[in-house]
Each structure stands twice: as structure tokens, then as C-alpha cells.
């Protein structure tokens, strides 16, 4: 891909995400995506055969960006606990309805229906990153003594964070609950 192709793809993906968030899946048209991307509808059809193809690729793009943000946030943190919390903070943000979308829950349903495989890949990537942090931190966490394996613990941390995201309180309140949750789980794994 050339730099022009990359820029065009970025523009289309960003426009698709914004348009789906604004109108939901059902009310979004190829025309609306093209207008938001500042291109013609025929030009958009040169890249995608239909709305579902755009939606799947926009889902892949958004999830790849979220996973990349989680990995970047983890790399910047100083301790294994802070790295895990950083990853889960990005997960929490992905599961928190934004002000720009009145169609957040509809879009979650559409992702499950039309791109469930991409969602599963995202979940696996995040769980694997948490698992790897746990395994690489044997000096801090005694996973063997816990009687559990790192995959199960990572899965519980991931899905626990998704559950916390359903809390109707403000974002900072949910972030604090994730911090408490991570601390409680990791204290139970602390090496003696």
C-alpha cells in the first residue's frame, strides 16, 4: 500500500466509525459514509462492495486500534499491576458509550451479528496480553500456588472489567472499580 492508499483507508475507516456511531448500523448508508469521508459514493464502492463490508472492516480497524492502544499503554506502565490495569483501562473505554453515539448498544449487537469472529479475535488478543504479563511476572505472582492458570485469571480480569463497564456511574467511578478489582485479584496471587 502506498501512503496515499493508507491515508484514504484511514479516512474511510474514521468516517465509517463516526457515521455508524452517529446513525447506528440500520440508518447508515453508503452515501452517508462517503459524504463523511469526503468522497463520492461510487468511489467508496471501489473499495467496498456494500455497507456490511465497510462495517466489518471498520470493526476490524477499531478493534486493532483498541488492542494497539492497550499494548502501548501497558508498555508505558512501570509495574506488572499497572500494565494490567492499563490494558483493562482501554478495555473499559471501549465498552463505555461515548457521547457521540446514541446507538452504542445497537452497534454492539451488530458487531456480534456481523463481525463476531473479529470480536473474538480482539478478546483473545487482550486476554493473551494479560496472561503473558502474569506469566512473565513470576517474581510477583505465584500462579501455581493459586491452583488456577494464567489464562483463566486473565479471562476473569477481562470479563470482570466488561461487567464493571455496565455500571451507570461516571467513567472515573468505573475506572476506580477496575483498579480495586485488579488489586484484589492480584493480591490473591502475590508471591510470598
Protein backbone atom coordinates (compact mmCIF):
# COMPACT_ATOMS: atom_id res chain seq x y z
CA UNK A 1 0.00 0.00 0.00
CA UNK A 2 1.17 3.48 -0.77
CA UNK A 3 0.97 6.41 1.63
CA UNK A 4 -1.99 7.70 -0.39
CA UNK A 5 -3.77 4.34 -0.05
CA UNK A 6 -3.09 4.33 3.70
CA UNK A 7 -4.44 7.87 4.06
CA UNK A 8 -7.54 7.00 2.04
CA UNK A 9 -8.15 3.85 4.09
CA UNK A 10 -7.73 5.81 7.33
CA UNK A 11 -10.18 8.46 6.08
CA UNK A 12 -12.77 5.83 5.10
CA UNK A 13 -12.41 3.89 8.36
CA UNK A 14 -12.64 7.01 10.50
CA UNK A 15 -15.67 8.17 8.52
CA UNK A 16 -17.32 4.76 8.85
CA UNK A 17 -16.81 4.63 12.62
CA UNK A 18 -18.14 8.18 13.05
CA UNK A 19 -21.13 7.55 10.77
CA UNK A 20 -22.11 4.24 12.37
CA UNK A 21 -21.80 5.84 15.83
CA UNK A 22 -23.95 8.78 14.75
CA UNK A 23 -26.73 6.87 12.94
CA UNK A 24 -26.40 3.24 14.02
CA UNK A 25 -26.00 0.36 11.62
CA UNK A 26 -29.53 0.33 10.22
CA UNK A 27 -29.73 4.06 9.44
CA UNK A 28 -26.22 4.34 7.99
CA UNK A 29 -25.97 4.29 4.22
CA UNK A 30 -23.05 4.06 1.84
CA UNK A 31 -23.91 7.61 0.81
CA UNK A 32 -23.60 8.85 4.41
CA UNK A 33 -20.23 7.13 4.85
CA UNK A 34 -18.98 8.54 1.55
CA UNK A 35 -20.08 12.07 2.50
CA UNK A 36 -18.36 11.83 5.88
CA UNK A 37 -15.20 10.56 4.12
CA UNK A 38 -15.45 13.46 1.66
CA UNK A 39 -15.67 11.19 -1.35
CA UNK A 40 -18.30 10.08 -3.83
CA UNK A 41 -20.45 7.01 -3.29
CA UNK A 42 -19.03 5.36 -6.46
CA UNK A 43 -15.51 5.96 -5.11
CA UNK A 44 -16.47 4.24 -1.85
CA UNK A 45 -17.87 1.30 -3.85
CA UNK A 46 -14.45 0.92 -5.47
CA UNK A 47 -13.17 -0.08 -2.02
CA UNK A 48 -16.17 -1.88 -0.50
CA UNK A 49 -18.99 -3.86 -2.10
CA UNK A 50 -21.62 -2.93 0.48
CA UNK A 51 -22.36 -1.49 3.91
CA UNK A 52 -21.71 -4.78 5.71
CA UNK A 53 -18.22 -5.00 4.18
CA UNK A 54 -17.49 -1.45 5.38
CA UNK A 55 -18.87 -2.30 8.82
CA UNK A 56 -16.71 -5.43 9.16
CA UNK A 57 -13.57 -3.61 8.09
CA UNK A 58 -14.35 -0.63 10.32
CA UNK A 59 -14.88 -3.06 13.21
CA UNK A 60 -11.53 -4.74 12.49
CA UNK A 61 -9.84 -1.34 12.26
CA UNK A 62 -11.37 -0.04 15.51
CA UNK A 63 -10.57 -3.23 17.44
CA UNK A 64 -6.99 -3.31 16.12
CA UNK A 65 -6.57 0.29 17.24
CA UNK A 66 -8.01 -0.51 20.67
CA UNK A 67 -5.72 -3.53 21.11
CA UNK A 68 -2.74 -1.46 19.94
CA UNK A 69 -3.66 1.28 22.42
CA UNK A 70 -3.84 -1.33 25.20
CA UNK A 71 -0.41 -2.69 24.29
CA UNK A 72 1.06 0.82 24.14
CA UNK A 73 -0.48 1.76 27.49
CA UNK A 74 0.87 -1.44 29.07
CA UNK A 75 4.36 -0.81 27.71
CA UNK A 76 4.39 2.66 29.26
CA UNK A 77 3.43 1.43 32.74
CA UNK A 78 6.11 0.67 35.32
CA UNK A 79 4.84 -2.41 37.17
CA UNK A 80 3.03 -5.58 36.10
CA UNK A 81 -0.01 -4.44 38.10
CA UNK A 82 -0.02 -1.07 36.35
CA UNK A 83 0.42 -2.77 32.96
CA UNK A 84 -2.59 -5.00 33.54
CA UNK A 85 -4.62 -2.04 34.79
CA UNK A 86 -3.58 -0.04 31.71
CA UNK A 87 -4.79 -2.79 29.37
CA UNK A 88 -8.07 -3.07 31.24
CA UNK A 89 -8.48 0.71 31.18
CA UNK A 90 -8.52 0.56 27.38
CA UNK A 91 -11.00 -2.33 27.51
CA UNK A 92 -13.19 -0.25 29.83
CA UNK A 93 -13.03 2.70 27.45
CA UNK A 94 -14.07 0.51 24.51
CA UNK A 95 -17.08 -0.71 26.47
CA UNK A 96 -18.17 2.74 27.63
CA UNK A 97 -20.75 4.51 25.47
CA UNK A 98 -19.37 7.71 24.03
CA UNK A 99 -21.30 10.95 23.91
CA UNK A 100 -21.07 10.86 20.12
CA UNK A 101 -23.16 7.70 19.85
CA UNK A 102 -26.81 7.21 20.63
CA UNK A 103 -26.52 3.77 19.07
CA UNK A 104 -23.83 2.18 21.23
CA UNK A 105 -25.80 -0.91 22.25
CA UNK A 106 -27.23 -1.42 18.77
CA UNK A 107 -23.68 -1.38 17.41
CA UNK A 108 -22.55 -3.96 19.98
CA UNK A 109 -25.35 -6.24 18.77
CA UNK A 110 -24.38 -5.63 15.14
CA UNK A 111 -20.72 -6.40 15.86
CA UNK A 112 -21.76 -9.70 17.43
CA UNK A 113 -24.03 -10.49 14.47
CA UNK A 114 -21.82 -9.33 11.59
CA UNK A 115 -18.29 -9.46 12.99
CA UNK A 116 -18.39 -11.82 15.97
CA UNK A 117 -15.23 -13.52 14.72
CA UNK A 118 -13.36 -10.21 14.82
CA UNK A 119 -14.64 -9.54 18.32
CA UNK A 120 -13.46 -12.99 19.44
CA UNK A 121 -10.01 -12.30 17.99
CA UNK A 122 -9.88 -8.99 19.88
CA UNK A 123 -10.86 -10.64 23.16
CA UNK A 124 -8.21 -13.34 22.63
CA UNK A 125 -5.53 -10.73 21.89
CA UNK A 126 -6.33 -8.84 25.10
CA UNK A 127 -6.60 -11.97 27.26
CA UNK A 128 -3.30 -13.23 25.80
CA UNK A 129 -1.59 -9.93 26.64
CA UNK A 130 -2.79 -10.11 30.26
CA UNK A 131 -1.85 -13.79 30.51
CA UNK A 132 1.63 -13.08 29.20
CA UNK A 133 2.10 -10.31 31.77
CA UNK A 134 1.06 -12.68 34.56
CA UNK A 135 3.38 -15.45 33.33
CA UNK A 136 6.29 -13.05 32.84
CA UNK A 137 5.89 -11.76 36.40
CA UNK A 138 6.56 -14.95 38.34
CA UNK A 139 8.58 -12.98 40.89
CA UNK A 140 5.37 -11.07 41.81
CA UNK A 141 2.60 -13.59 41.20
CA UNK A 142 2.52 -17.21 42.37
CA UNK A 143 0.01 -18.54 39.90
CA UNK A 144 0.87 -22.20 40.60
CA UNK A 145 0.05 -21.77 44.30
CA UNK A 146 -3.34 -20.29 43.40
CA UNK A 147 -4.42 -23.54 41.74
CA UNK A 148 -5.51 -21.60 38.66
CA UNK A 149 -3.82 -20.99 35.38
CA UNK A 150 -2.84 -17.63 33.93
CA UNK A 151 -5.33 -17.94 31.05
CA UNK A 152 -8.26 -18.33 33.46
CA UNK A 153 -7.10 -15.41 35.59
CA UNK A 154 -6.64 -13.20 32.51
CA UNK A 155 -10.10 -14.18 31.28
CA UNK A 156 -11.69 -13.30 34.63
CA UNK A 157 -9.91 -9.93 34.65
CA UNK A 158 -11.11 -9.19 31.10
CA UNK A 159 -14.74 -10.19 31.63
CA UNK A 160 -14.86 -8.64 35.09
CA UNK A 161 -13.85 -5.35 33.50
CA UNK A 162 -16.57 -5.75 30.88
CA UNK A 163 -19.03 -6.23 33.74
CA UNK A 164 -17.79 -3.12 35.51
CA UNK A 165 -18.34 -1.19 32.28
CA UNK A 166 -22.09 -1.76 32.69
CA UNK A 167 -22.12 0.36 35.86
CA UNK A 168 -24.16 3.51 35.28
CA UNK A 169 -21.80 5.73 37.29
CA UNK A 170 -19.32 8.16 35.76
CA UNK A 171 -16.26 6.88 33.92
CA UNK A 172 -13.89 7.75 36.76
CA UNK A 173 -16.04 5.70 39.15
CA UNK A 174 -15.80 2.68 36.80
CA UNK A 175 -12.02 3.19 36.47
CA UNK A 176 -11.72 3.13 40.26
CA UNK A 177 -13.70 -0.11 40.38
CA UNK A 178 -11.39 -1.67 37.79
CA UNK A 179 -8.41 -0.60 39.91
CA UNK A 180 -9.96 -2.20 43.01
CA UNK A 181 -10.83 -5.35 41.07
CA UNK A 182 -7.31 -5.72 39.64
CA UNK A 183 -5.77 -5.09 43.06
CA UNK A 184 -7.99 -7.70 44.73
CA UNK A 185 -7.25 -10.37 42.12
CA UNK A 186 -3.51 -9.72 42.02
CA UNK A 187 -3.17 -9.62 45.81
CA UNK A 188 -4.56 -13.13 45.83
CA UNK A 189 -1.73 -14.13 43.51
CA UNK A 190 1.05 -12.33 45.36
CA UNK A 191 4.15 -14.43 45.78
CA UNK A 192 5.06 -14.88 49.44
